[in-house]
């Protein structure tokens, strides 16, 4: 999972990638560190063509404000440049997989 380092990089990814998932978190979030490997495994096994990126919202307050992410962990899914998935704080991996699968199949299958 690559990390986003600026708002410009985030915007460039949206215009360049067909499907991308952003994992928003902070280094001190305990829940975030436990769920992160599950998200990585899910993406590698079930959605290999979708890119996954990490956003440290403490380090990038301009991105946090632009995306309106105020609680962590937060997952933002973009397909063809449009945000179609947003999960924050309490969400299940299987629920997330189901939501991603719906749009992923339209683009990649």
PDB file of N, CA and C in Angstrom:
ATOM      1  N   UNK A   1       0.846  -1.167   0.000  1.00  0.00           N
ATOM      2  CA  UNK A   1       0.000   0.000   0.000  1.00  0.00           C
ATOM      3  C   UNK A   1       0.896   1.236   0.000  1.00  0.00           C
ATOM      4  N   UNK A   2       0.729   2.048  -1.008  1.00  0.00           N
ATOM      5  CA  UNK A   2       1.505   3.286  -1.117  1.00  0.00           C
ATOM      6  C   UNK A   2       0.811   4.415  -0.372  1.00  0.00           C
ATOM      7  N   UNK A   3       1.587   5.362   0.106  1.00  0.00           N
ATOM      8  CA  UNK A   3       1.046   6.493   0.842  1.00  0.00           C
ATOM      9  C   UNK A   3       0.928   7.715  -0.062  1.00  0.00           C
ATOM     10  N   UNK A   4      -0.132   8.479   0.147  1.00  0.00           N
ATOM     11  CA  UNK A   4      -0.340   9.736  -0.560  1.00  0.00           C
ATOM     12  C   UNK A   4       0.414  10.825   0.201  1.00  0.00           C
ATOM     13  N   UNK A   5       1.118  11.694  -0.531  1.00  0.00           N
ATOM     14  CA  UNK A   5       1.922  12.713   0.135  1.00  0.00           C
ATOM     15  C   UNK A   5       1.415  14.138  -0.065  1.00  0.00           C
ATOM     16  N   UNK A   6       0.376  14.311  -0.901  1.00  0.00           N
ATOM     17  CA  UNK A   6      -0.139  15.666  -1.119  1.00  0.00           C
ATOM     18  C   UNK A   6      -1.528  15.608  -1.750  1.00  0.00           C
ATOM     19  N   UNK A   7      -2.218  16.728  -1.696  1.00  0.00           N
ATOM     20  CA  UNK A   7      -3.528  16.842  -2.323  1.00  0.00           C
ATOM     21  C   UNK A   7      -3.404  16.699  -3.840  1.00  0.00           C
ATOM     22  N   UNK A   8      -2.334  17.236  -4.406  1.00  0.00           N
ATOM     23  CA  UNK A   8      -2.120  17.139  -5.852  1.00  0.00           C
ATOM     24  C   UNK A   8      -1.950  15.688  -6.287  1.00  0.00           C
ATOM     25  N   UNK A   9      -1.205  14.920  -5.500  1.00  0.00           N
ATOM     26  CA  UNK A   9      -1.019  13.503  -5.827  1.00  0.00           C
ATOM     27  C   UNK A   9      -2.361  12.775  -5.783  1.00  0.00           C
ATOM     28  N   UNK A  10      -3.172  13.074  -4.787  1.00  0.00           N
ATOM     29  CA  UNK A  10      -4.506  12.488  -4.675  1.00  0.00           C
ATOM     30  C   UNK A  10      -5.331  12.802  -5.922  1.00  0.00           C
ATOM     31  N   UNK A  11      -5.359  14.058  -6.321  1.00  0.00           N
ATOM     32  CA  UNK A  11      -6.140  14.471  -7.487  1.00  0.00           C
ATOM     33  C   UNK A  11      -5.621  13.839  -8.777  1.00  0.00           C
ATOM     34  N   UNK A  12      -4.307  13.707  -8.901  1.00  0.00           N
ATOM     35  CA  UNK A  12      -3.724  13.053 -10.076  1.00  0.00           C
ATOM     36  C   UNK A  12      -4.130  11.591 -10.155  1.00  0.00           C
ATOM     37  N   UNK A  13      -4.155  10.913  -9.013  1.00  0.00           N
ATOM     38  CA  UNK A  13      -4.574   9.506  -9.001  1.00  0.00           C
ATOM     39  C   UNK A  13      -6.016   9.360  -9.453  1.00  0.00           C
ATOM     40  N   UNK A  14      -6.862  10.251  -9.012  1.00  0.00           N
ATOM     41  CA  UNK A  14      -8.273  10.173  -9.395  1.00  0.00           C
ATOM     42  C   UNK A  14      -8.457  10.323 -10.898  1.00  0.00           C
ATOM     43  N   UNK A  15      -7.680  11.180 -11.502  1.00  0.00           N
ATOM     44  CA  UNK A  15      -7.822  11.383 -12.941  1.00  0.00           C
ATOM     45  C   UNK A  15      -7.152  10.280 -13.758  1.00  0.00           C
ATOM     46  N   UNK A  16      -6.188   9.577 -13.154  1.00  0.00           N
ATOM     47  CA  UNK A  16      -5.402   8.571 -13.864  1.00  0.00           C
ATOM     48  C   UNK A  16      -5.941   7.145 -13.718  1.00  0.00           C
ATOM     49  N   UNK A  17      -6.481   6.810 -12.563  1.00  0.00           N
ATOM     50  CA  UNK A  17      -6.882   5.434 -12.266  1.00  0.00           C
ATOM     51  C   UNK A  17      -8.371   5.206 -12.499  1.00  0.00           C
ATOM     52  N   UNK A  18      -8.713   4.020 -13.001  1.00  0.00           N
ATOM     53  CA  UNK A  18     -10.121   3.668 -13.188  1.00  0.00           C
ATOM     54  C   UNK A  18     -10.802   3.362 -11.862  1.00  0.00           C
ATOM     55  N   UNK A  19     -10.087   2.695 -10.975  1.00  0.00           N
ATOM     56  CA  UNK A  19     -10.656   2.315  -9.687  1.00  0.00           C
ATOM     57  C   UNK A  19      -9.564   2.413  -8.629  1.00  0.00           C
ATOM     58  N   UNK A  20      -9.874   3.110  -7.543  1.00  0.00           N
ATOM     59  CA  UNK A  20      -8.884   3.301  -6.488  1.00  0.00           C
ATOM     60  C   UNK A  20      -9.589   3.354  -5.135  1.00  0.00           C
ATOM     61  N   UNK A  21      -8.944   2.757  -4.136  1.00  0.00           N
ATOM     62  CA  UNK A  21      -9.465   2.759  -2.775  1.00  0.00           C
ATOM     63  C   UNK A  21      -8.459   3.478  -1.885  1.00  0.00           C
ATOM     64  N   UNK A  22      -8.954   4.424  -1.096  1.00  0.00           N
ATOM     65  CA  UNK A  22      -8.097   5.165  -0.177  1.00  0.00           C
ATOM     66  C   UNK A  22      -8.422   4.737   1.247  1.00  0.00           C
ATOM     67  N   UNK A  23      -7.377   4.372   1.980  1.00  0.00           N
ATOM     68  CA  UNK A  23      -7.502   3.995   3.387  1.00  0.00           C
ATOM     69  C   UNK A  23      -7.005   5.175   4.209  1.00  0.00           C
ATOM     70  N   UNK A  24      -7.908   5.871   4.883  1.00  0.00           N
ATOM     71  CA  UNK A  24      -7.570   7.058   5.669  1.00  0.00           C
ATOM     72  C   UNK A  24      -7.452   6.675   7.135  1.00  0.00           C
ATOM     73  N   UNK A  25      -6.360   7.109   7.745  1.00  0.00           N
ATOM     74  CA  UNK A  25      -6.085   6.710   9.115  1.00  0.00           C
ATOM     75  C   UNK A  25      -5.110   7.690   9.759  1.00  0.00           C
ATOM     76  N   UNK A  26      -4.743   7.378  11.003  1.00  0.00           N
ATOM     77  CA  UNK A  26      -3.687   8.105  11.706  1.00  0.00           C
ATOM     78  C   UNK A  26      -2.728   7.075  12.302  1.00  0.00           C
ATOM     79  N   UNK A  27      -1.492   7.438  12.522  1.00  0.00           N
ATOM     80  CA  UNK A  27      -0.528   6.479  13.076  1.00  0.00           C
ATOM     81  C   UNK A  27      -0.878   6.007  14.493  1.00  0.00           C
ATOM     82  N   UNK A  28      -1.650   6.785  15.233  1.00  0.00           N
ATOM     83  CA  UNK A  28      -1.963   6.432  16.615  1.00  0.00           C
ATOM     84  C   UNK A  28      -3.279   5.687  16.782  1.00  0.00           C
ATOM     85  N   UNK A  29      -3.983   5.422  15.713  1.00  0.00           N
ATOM     86  CA  UNK A  29      -5.278   4.736  15.779  1.00  0.00           C
ATOM     87  C   UNK A  29      -5.077   3.224  15.928  1.00  0.00           C
ATOM     88  N   UNK A  30      -5.445   2.678  17.073  1.00  0.00           N
ATOM     89  CA  UNK A  30      -5.278   1.249  17.331  1.00  0.00           C
ATOM     90  C   UNK A  30      -6.156   0.375  16.451  1.00  0.00           C
ATOM     91  N   UNK A  31      -7.413   0.751  16.299  1.00  0.00           N
ATOM     92  CA  UNK A  31      -8.334  -0.008  15.449  1.00  0.00           C
ATOM     93  C   UNK A  31      -7.833  -0.020  14.013  1.00  0.00           C
ATOM     94  N   UNK A  32      -7.317   1.122  13.570  1.00  0.00           N
ATOM     95  CA  UNK A  32      -6.828   1.257  12.194  1.00  0.00           C
ATOM     96  C   UNK A  32      -5.686   0.286  11.901  1.00  0.00           C
ATOM     97  N   UNK A  33      -4.773   0.146  12.859  1.00  0.00           N
ATOM     98  CA  UNK A  33      -3.632  -0.745  12.633  1.00  0.00           C
ATOM     99  C   UNK A  33      -4.059  -2.204  12.615  1.00  0.00           C
ATOM    100  N   UNK A  34      -5.145  -2.543  13.312  1.00  0.00           N
ATOM    101  CA  UNK A  34      -5.595  -3.935  13.301  1.00  0.00           C
ATOM    102  C   UNK A  34      -6.406  -4.270  12.047  1.00  0.00           C
ATOM    103  N   UNK A  35      -7.101  -3.297  11.503  1.00  0.00           N
ATOM    104  CA  UNK A  35      -7.926  -3.564  10.317  1.00  0.00           C
ATOM    105  C   UNK A  35      -7.149  -3.413   9.008  1.00  0.00           C
ATOM    106  N   UNK A  36      -6.055  -2.666   9.037  1.00  0.00           N
ATOM    107  CA  UNK A  36      -5.272  -2.404   7.821  1.00  0.00           C
ATOM    108  C   UNK A  36      -4.827  -3.679   7.101  1.00  0.00           C
ATOM    109  N   UNK A  37      -4.263  -4.689   7.795  1.00  0.00           N
ATOM    110  CA  UNK A  37      -3.865  -5.915   7.079  1.00  0.00           C
ATOM    111  C   UNK A  37      -5.043  -6.642   6.434  1.00  0.00           C
ATOM    112  N   UNK A  38      -6.211  -6.534   7.051  1.00  0.00           N
ATOM    113  CA  UNK A  38      -7.402  -7.177   6.481  1.00  0.00           C
ATOM    114  C   UNK A  38      -7.828  -6.488   5.185  1.00  0.00           C
ATOM    115  N   UNK A  39      -7.716  -5.172   5.160  1.00  0.00           N
ATOM    116  CA  UNK A  39      -8.049  -4.414   3.950  1.00  0.00           C
ATOM    117  C   UNK A  39      -7.049  -4.747   2.836  1.00  0.00           C
ATOM    118  N   UNK A  40      -5.777  -4.804   3.186  1.00  0.00           N
ATOM    119  CA  UNK A  40      -4.738  -5.139   2.199  1.00  0.00           C
ATOM    120  C   UNK A  40      -4.979  -6.527   1.625  1.00  0.00           C
ATOM    121  N   UNK A  41      -5.263  -7.491   2.479  1.00  0.00           N
ATOM    122  CA  UNK A  41      -5.516  -8.860   2.021  1.00  0.00           C
ATOM    123  C   UNK A  41      -6.755  -8.911   1.124  1.00  0.00           C
ATOM    124  N   UNK A  42      -7.820  -8.227   1.535  1.00  0.00           N
ATOM    125  CA  UNK A  42      -9.046  -8.187   0.736  1.00  0.00           C
ATOM    126  C   UNK A  42      -8.766  -7.654  -0.663  1.00  0.00           C
ATOM    127  N   UNK A  43      -8.048  -6.555  -0.744  1.00  0.00           N
ATOM    128  CA  UNK A  43      -7.776  -5.940  -2.034  1.00  0.00           C
ATOM    129  C   UNK A  43      -6.878  -6.824  -2.899  1.00  0.00           C
ATOM    130  N   UNK A  44      -5.858  -7.426  -2.309  1.00  0.00           N
ATOM    131  CA  UNK A  44      -4.940  -8.288  -3.070  1.00  0.00           C
ATOM    132  C   UNK A  44      -5.625  -9.541  -3.583  1.00  0.00           C
ATOM    133  N   UNK A  45      -6.501 -10.128  -2.770  1.00  0.00           N
ATOM    134  CA  UNK A  45      -7.132 -11.396  -3.142  1.00  0.00           C
ATOM    135  C   UNK A  45      -8.380 -11.231  -3.997  1.00  0.00           C
ATOM    136  N   UNK A  46      -9.216 -10.255  -3.665  1.00  0.00           N
ATOM    137  CA  UNK A  46     -10.512 -10.128  -4.332  1.00  0.00           C
ATOM    138  C   UNK A  46     -10.558  -9.070  -5.441  1.00  0.00           C
ATOM    139  N   UNK A  47      -9.752  -8.020  -5.303  1.00  0.00           N
ATOM    140  CA  UNK A  47      -9.826  -6.898  -6.249  1.00  0.00           C
ATOM    141  C   UNK A  47      -8.428  -6.477  -6.695  1.00  0.00           C
ATOM    142  N   UNK A  48      -7.705  -7.378  -7.346  1.00  0.00           N
ATOM    143  CA  UNK A  48      -6.302  -7.107  -7.676  1.00  0.00           C
ATOM    144  C   UNK A  48      -6.075  -5.956  -8.659  1.00  0.00           C
ATOM    145  N   UNK A  49      -7.061  -5.605  -9.453  1.00  0.00           N
ATOM    146  CA  UNK A  49      -6.882  -4.535 -10.429  1.00  0.00           C
ATOM    147  C   UNK A  49      -7.190  -3.152  -9.856  1.00  0.00           C
ATOM    148  N   UNK A  50      -7.691  -3.111  -8.645  1.00  0.00           N
ATOM    149  CA  UNK A  50      -8.007  -1.838  -7.997  1.00  0.00           C
ATOM    150  C   UNK A  50      -6.831  -1.412  -7.131  1.00  0.00           C
ATOM    151  N   UNK A  51      -6.389  -0.188  -7.289  1.00  0.00           N
ATOM    152  CA  UNK A  51      -5.246   0.333  -6.532  1.00  0.00           C
ATOM    153  C   UNK A  51      -5.678   0.707  -5.117  1.00  0.00           C
ATOM    154  N   UNK A  52      -4.750   0.534  -4.175  1.00  0.00           N
ATOM    155  CA  UNK A  52      -4.998   0.849  -2.770  1.00  0.00           C
ATOM    156  C   UNK A  52      -3.938   1.825  -2.282  1.00  0.00           C
ATOM    157  N   UNK A  53      -4.388   2.918  -1.657  1.00  0.00           N
ATOM    158  CA  UNK A  53      -3.469   3.938  -1.150  1.00  0.00           C
ATOM    159  C   UNK A  53      -3.831   4.309   0.281  1.00  0.00           C
ATOM    160  N   UNK A  54      -2.815   4.721   1.021  1.00  0.00           N
ATOM    161  CA  UNK A  54      -2.966   5.136   2.419  1.00  0.00           C
ATOM    162  C   UNK A  54      -2.878   6.656   2.512  1.00  0.00           C
ATOM    163  N   UNK A  55      -3.767   7.254   3.302  1.00  0.00           N
ATOM    164  CA  UNK A  55      -3.720   8.690   3.560  1.00  0.00           C
ATOM    165  C   UNK A  55      -3.641   8.897   5.065  1.00  0.00           C
ATOM    166  N   UNK A  56      -2.539   9.488   5.525  1.00  0.00           N
ATOM    167  CA  UNK A  56      -2.382   9.868   6.933  1.00  0.00           C
ATOM    168  C   UNK A  56      -3.039  11.225   7.099  1.00  0.00           C
ATOM    169  N   UNK A  57      -4.237  11.237   7.666  1.00  0.00           N
ATOM    170  CA  UNK A  57      -4.983  12.499   7.728  1.00  0.00           C
ATOM    171  C   UNK A  57      -4.425  13.482   8.757  1.00  0.00           C
ATOM    172  N   UNK A  58      -3.582  13.003   9.668  1.00  0.00           N
ATOM    173  CA  UNK A  58      -2.903  13.938  10.579  1.00  0.00           C
ATOM    174  C   UNK A  58      -1.810  14.708   9.841  1.00  0.00           C
ATOM    175  N   UNK A  59      -1.107  14.026   8.965  1.00  0.00           N
ATOM    176  CA  UNK A  59      -0.002  14.641   8.219  1.00  0.00           C
ATOM    177  C   UNK A  59      -0.501  15.503   7.060  1.00  0.00           C
ATOM    178  N   UNK A  60      -1.712  15.231   6.582  1.00  0.00           N
ATOM    179  CA  UNK A  60      -2.250  15.955   5.416  1.00  0.00           C
ATOM    180  C   UNK A  60      -3.608  16.584   5.740  1.00  0.00           C
ATOM    181  N   UNK A  61      -3.604  17.642   6.553  1.00  0.00           N
ATOM    182  CA  UNK A  61      -4.894  18.251   6.932  1.00  0.00           C
ATOM    183  C   UNK A  61      -5.673  18.815   5.743  1.00  0.00           C
ATOM    184  N   UNK A  62      -4.972  19.241   4.685  1.00  0.00           N
ATOM    185  CA  UNK A  62      -5.692  19.767   3.516  1.00  0.00           C
ATOM    186  C   UNK A  62      -6.467  18.667   2.806  1.00  0.00           C
ATOM    187  N   UNK A  63      -5.930  17.460   2.786  1.00  0.00           N
ATOM    188  CA  UNK A  63      -6.642  16.330   2.185  1.00  0.00           C
ATOM    189  C   UNK A  63      -7.828  15.949   3.070  1.00  0.00           C
ATOM    190  N   UNK A  64      -7.602  15.918   4.379  1.00  0.00           N
ATOM    191  CA  UNK A  64      -8.685  15.609   5.331  1.00  0.00           C
ATOM    192  C   UNK A  64      -9.854  16.566   5.132  1.00  0.00           C
ATOM    193  N   UNK A  65      -9.568  17.854   5.026  1.00  0.00           N
ATOM    194  CA  UNK A  65     -10.627  18.834   4.832  1.00  0.00           C
ATOM    195  C   UNK A  65     -11.314  18.705   3.490  1.00  0.00           C
ATOM    196  N   UNK A  66     -10.539  18.497   2.448  1.00  0.00           N
ATOM    197  CA  UNK A  66     -11.095  18.361   1.093  1.00  0.00           C
ATOM    198  C   UNK A  66     -12.008  17.146   0.995  1.00  0.00           C
ATOM    199  N   UNK A  67     -11.644  16.053   1.681  1.00  0.00           N
ATOM    200  CA  UNK A  67     -12.420  14.813   1.616  1.00  0.00           C
ATOM    201  C   UNK A  67     -13.483  14.718   2.704  1.00  0.00           C
ATOM    202  N   UNK A  68     -13.471  15.660   3.632  1.00  0.00           N
ATOM    203  CA  UNK A  68     -14.399  15.640   4.779  1.00  0.00           C
ATOM    204  C   UNK A  68     -14.284  14.338   5.577  1.00  0.00           C
ATOM    205  N   UNK A  69     -13.065  13.960   5.883  1.00  0.00           N
ATOM    206  CA  UNK A  69     -12.808  12.772   6.700  1.00  0.00           C
ATOM    207  C   UNK A  69     -12.440  13.245   8.099  1.00  0.00           C
ATOM    208  N   UNK A  70     -13.338  12.987   9.057  1.00  0.00           N
ATOM    209  CA  UNK A  70     -13.119  13.465  10.418  1.00  0.00           C
ATOM    210  C   UNK A  70     -13.088  12.339  11.445  1.00  0.00           C
ATOM    211  N   UNK A  71     -13.333  11.103  11.020  1.00  0.00           N
ATOM    212  CA  UNK A  71     -13.192   9.964  11.916  1.00  0.00           C
ATOM    213  C   UNK A  71     -12.457   8.857  11.168  1.00  0.00           C
ATOM    214  N   UNK A  72     -11.717   8.071  11.922  1.00  0.00           N
ATOM    215  CA  UNK A  72     -10.918   7.001  11.327  1.00  0.00           C
ATOM    216  C   UNK A  72     -11.244   5.671  11.992  1.00  0.00           C
ATOM    217  N   UNK A  73     -11.024   4.569  11.297  1.00  0.00           N
ATOM    218  CA  UNK A  73     -10.584   4.470   9.913  1.00  0.00           C
ATOM    219  C   UNK A  73     -11.697   4.867   8.950  1.00  0.00           C
ATOM    220  N   UNK A  74     -11.287   5.353   7.800  1.00  0.00           N
ATOM    221  CA  UNK A  74     -12.239   5.713   6.749  1.00  0.00           C
ATOM    222  C   UNK A  74     -11.757   5.113   5.434  1.00  0.00           C
ATOM    223  N   UNK A  75     -12.692   4.604   4.680  1.00  0.00           N
ATOM    224  CA  UNK A  75     -12.418   4.010   3.375  1.00  0.00           C
ATOM    225  C   UNK A  75     -13.189   4.812   2.332  1.00  0.00           C
ATOM    226  N   UNK A  76     -12.487   5.248   1.305  1.00  0.00           N
ATOM    227  CA  UNK A  76     -13.119   5.974   0.209  1.00  0.00           C
ATOM    228  C   UNK A  76     -12.827   5.240  -1.092  1.00  0.00           C
ATOM    229  N   UNK A  77     -13.860   4.843  -1.782  1.00  0.00           N
ATOM    230  CA  UNK A  77     -13.706   4.137  -3.044  1.00  0.00           C
ATOM    231  C   UNK A  77     -14.125   5.006  -4.209  1.00  0.00           C
ATOM    232  N   UNK A  78     -13.228   5.139  -5.174  1.00  0.00           N
ATOM    233  CA  UNK A  78     -13.496   5.952  -6.362  1.00  0.00           C
ATOM    234  C   UNK A  78     -13.449   5.065  -7.601  1.00  0.00           C
ATOM    235  N   UNK A  79     -14.464   5.211  -8.428  1.00  0.00           N
ATOM    236  CA  UNK A  79     -14.531   4.491  -9.699  1.00  0.00           C
ATOM    237  C   UNK A  79     -14.728   5.520 -10.797  1.00  0.00           C
ATOM    238  N   UNK A  80     -13.797   5.534 -11.741  1.00  0.00           N
ATOM    239  CA  UNK A  80     -13.796   6.488 -12.848  1.00  0.00           C
ATOM    240  C   UNK A  80     -13.905   7.922 -12.335  1.00  0.00           C
ATOM    241  N   UNK A  81     -13.159   8.205 -11.264  1.00  0.00           N
ATOM    242  CA  UNK A  81     -13.066   9.555 -10.722  1.00  0.00           C
ATOM    243  C   UNK A  81     -14.188   9.994  -9.810  1.00  0.00           C
ATOM    244  N   UNK A  82     -15.170   9.122  -9.561  1.00  0.00           N
ATOM    245  CA  UNK A  82     -16.304   9.489  -8.720  1.00  0.00           C
ATOM    246  C   UNK A  82     -16.299   8.676  -7.429  1.00  0.00           C
ATOM    247  N   UNK A  83     -16.543   9.365  -6.314  1.00  0.00           N
ATOM    248  CA  UNK A  83     -16.622   8.657  -5.034  1.00  0.00           C
ATOM    249  C   UNK A  83     -17.944   7.903  -4.970  1.00  0.00           C
ATOM    250  N   UNK A  84     -17.852   6.573  -4.891  1.00  0.00           N
ATOM    251  CA  UNK A  84     -19.041   5.742  -4.833  1.00  0.00           C
ATOM    252  C   UNK A  84     -19.124   4.934  -3.545  1.00  0.00           C
ATOM    253  N   UNK A  85     -18.030   4.887  -2.793  1.00  0.00           N
ATOM    254  CA  UNK A  85     -18.012   4.145  -1.531  1.00  0.00           C
ATOM    255  C   UNK A  85     -17.392   5.031  -0.457  1.00  0.00           C
ATOM    256  N   UNK A  86     -18.061   5.095   0.691  1.00  0.00           N
ATOM    257  CA  UNK A  86     -17.519   5.806   1.853  1.00  0.00           C
ATOM    258  C   UNK A  86     -17.947   5.044   3.093  1.00  0.00           C
ATOM    259  N   UNK A  87     -16.969   4.557   3.807  1.00  0.00           N
ATOM    260  CA  UNK A  87     -17.199   3.865   5.074  1.00  0.00           C
ATOM    261  C   UNK A  87     -16.289   4.502   6.110  1.00  0.00           C
ATOM    262  N   UNK A  88     -16.801   4.719   7.297  1.00  0.00           N
ATOM    263  CA  UNK A  88     -15.978   5.312   8.351  1.00  0.00           C
ATOM    264  C   UNK A  88     -16.347   4.706   9.709  1.00  0.00           C
ATOM    265  N   UNK A  89     -15.350   4.659  10.561  1.00  0.00           N
ATOM    266  CA  UNK A  89     -15.445   4.210  11.937  1.00  0.00           C
ATOM    267  C   UNK A  89     -15.868   2.758  12.076  1.00  0.00           C
ATOM    268  N   UNK A  90     -17.146   2.456  11.988  1.00  0.00           N
ATOM    269  CA  UNK A  90     -17.636   1.091  12.183  1.00  0.00           C
ATOM    270  C   UNK A  90     -18.126   0.510  10.864  1.00  0.00           C
ATOM    271  N   UNK A  91     -17.382  -0.456  10.346  1.00  0.00           N
ATOM    272  CA  UNK A  91     -17.802  -1.134   9.117  1.00  0.00           C
ATOM    273  C   UNK A  91     -17.218  -2.539   9.116  1.00  0.00           C
ATOM    274  N   UNK A  92     -17.871  -3.421   8.413  1.00  0.00           N
ATOM    275  CA  UNK A  92     -17.403  -4.795   8.306  1.00  0.00           C
ATOM    276  C   UNK A  92     -16.653  -5.018   7.005  1.00  0.00           C
ATOM    277  N   UNK A  93     -15.691  -5.915   7.048  1.00  0.00           N
ATOM    278  CA  UNK A  93     -14.898  -6.235   5.855  1.00  0.00           C
ATOM    279  C   UNK A  93     -15.778  -6.845   4.767  1.00  0.00           C
ATOM    280  N   UNK A  94     -16.687  -7.725   5.160  1.00  0.00           N
ATOM    281  CA  UNK A  94     -17.550  -8.375   4.161  1.00  0.00           C
ATOM    282  C   UNK A  94     -18.526  -7.367   3.532  1.00  0.00           C
ATOM    283  N   UNK A  95     -19.037  -6.447   4.333  1.00  0.00           N
ATOM    284  CA  UNK A  95     -19.909  -5.393   3.787  1.00  0.00           C
ATOM    285  C   UNK A  95     -19.143  -4.539   2.782  1.00  0.00           C
ATOM    286  N   UNK A  96     -17.924  -4.188   3.157  1.00  0.00           N
ATOM    287  CA  UNK A  96     -17.078  -3.395   2.271  1.00  0.00           C
ATOM    288  C   UNK A  96     -16.805  -4.156   0.976  1.00  0.00           C
ATOM    289  N   UNK A  97     -16.485  -5.433   1.094  1.00  0.00           N
ATOM    290  CA  UNK A  97     -16.206  -6.256  -0.092  1.00  0.00           C
ATOM    291  C   UNK A  97     -17.407  -6.296  -1.028  1.00  0.00           C
ATOM    292  N   UNK A  98     -18.582  -6.411  -0.466  1.00  0.00           N
ATOM    293  CA  UNK A  98     -19.803  -6.447  -1.274  1.00  0.00           C
ATOM    294  C   UNK A  98     -20.005  -5.144  -2.041  1.00  0.00           C
ATOM    295  N   UNK A  99     -19.755  -4.024  -1.379  1.00  0.00           N
ATOM    296  CA  UNK A  99     -19.912  -2.721  -2.032  1.00  0.00           C
ATOM    297  C   UNK A  99     -18.880  -2.532  -3.145  1.00  0.00           C
ATOM    298  N   UNK A 100     -17.642  -2.916  -2.865  1.00  0.00           N
ATOM    299  CA  UNK A 100     -16.594  -2.790  -3.882  1.00  0.00           C
ATOM    300  C   UNK A 100     -16.909  -3.679  -5.072  1.00  0.00           C
ATOM    301  N   UNK A 101     -17.328  -4.910  -4.795  1.00  0.00           N
ATOM    302  CA  UNK A 101     -17.600  -5.892  -5.841  1.00  0.00           C
ATOM    303  C   UNK A 101     -18.638  -5.393  -6.837  1.00  0.00           C
ATOM    304  N   UNK A 102     -19.628  -4.711  -6.350  1.00  0.00           N
ATOM    305  CA  UNK A 102     -20.701  -4.202  -7.220  1.00  0.00           C
ATOM    306  C   UNK A 102     -20.148  -3.320  -8.336  1.00  0.00           C
ATOM    307  N   UNK A 103     -19.280  -2.394  -7.996  1.00  0.00           N
ATOM    308  CA  UNK A 103     -18.727  -1.467  -8.985  1.00  0.00           C
ATOM    309  C   UNK A 103     -17.529  -2.061  -9.734  1.00  0.00           C
ATOM    310  N   UNK A 104     -16.752  -2.860  -9.031  1.00  0.00           N
ATOM    311  CA  UNK A 104     -15.559  -3.480  -9.618  1.00  0.00           C
ATOM    312  C   UNK A 104     -15.935  -4.328 -10.827  1.00  0.00           C
ATOM    313  N   UNK A 105     -16.995  -5.107 -10.695  1.00  0.00           N
ATOM    314  CA  UNK A 105     -17.447  -5.978 -11.794  1.00  0.00           C
ATOM    315  C   UNK A 105     -17.875  -5.182 -13.024  1.00  0.00           C
ATOM    316  N   UNK A 106     -18.446  -4.021 -12.795  1.00  0.00           N
ATOM    317  CA  UNK A 106     -18.870  -3.189 -13.935  1.00  0.00           C
ATOM    318  C   UNK A 106     -17.691  -2.699 -14.757  1.00  0.00           C
ATOM    319  N   UNK A 107     -16.576  -2.460 -14.112  1.00  0.00           N
ATOM    320  CA  UNK A 107     -15.411  -1.906 -14.797  1.00  0.00           C
ATOM    321  C   UNK A 107     -14.480  -2.984 -15.330  1.00  0.00           C
ATOM    322  N   UNK A 108     -14.226  -4.008 -14.528  1.00  0.00           N
ATOM    323  CA  UNK A 108     -13.178  -4.967 -14.877  1.00  0.00           C
ATOM    324  C   UNK A 108     -13.682  -6.305 -15.418  1.00  0.00           C
ATOM    325  N   UNK A 109     -14.969  -6.527 -15.458  1.00  0.00           N
ATOM    326  CA  UNK A 109     -15.440  -7.825 -15.977  1.00  0.00           C
ATOM    327  C   UNK A 109     -16.462  -7.647 -17.062  1.00  0.00           C
TER     328      UNK A 109
END
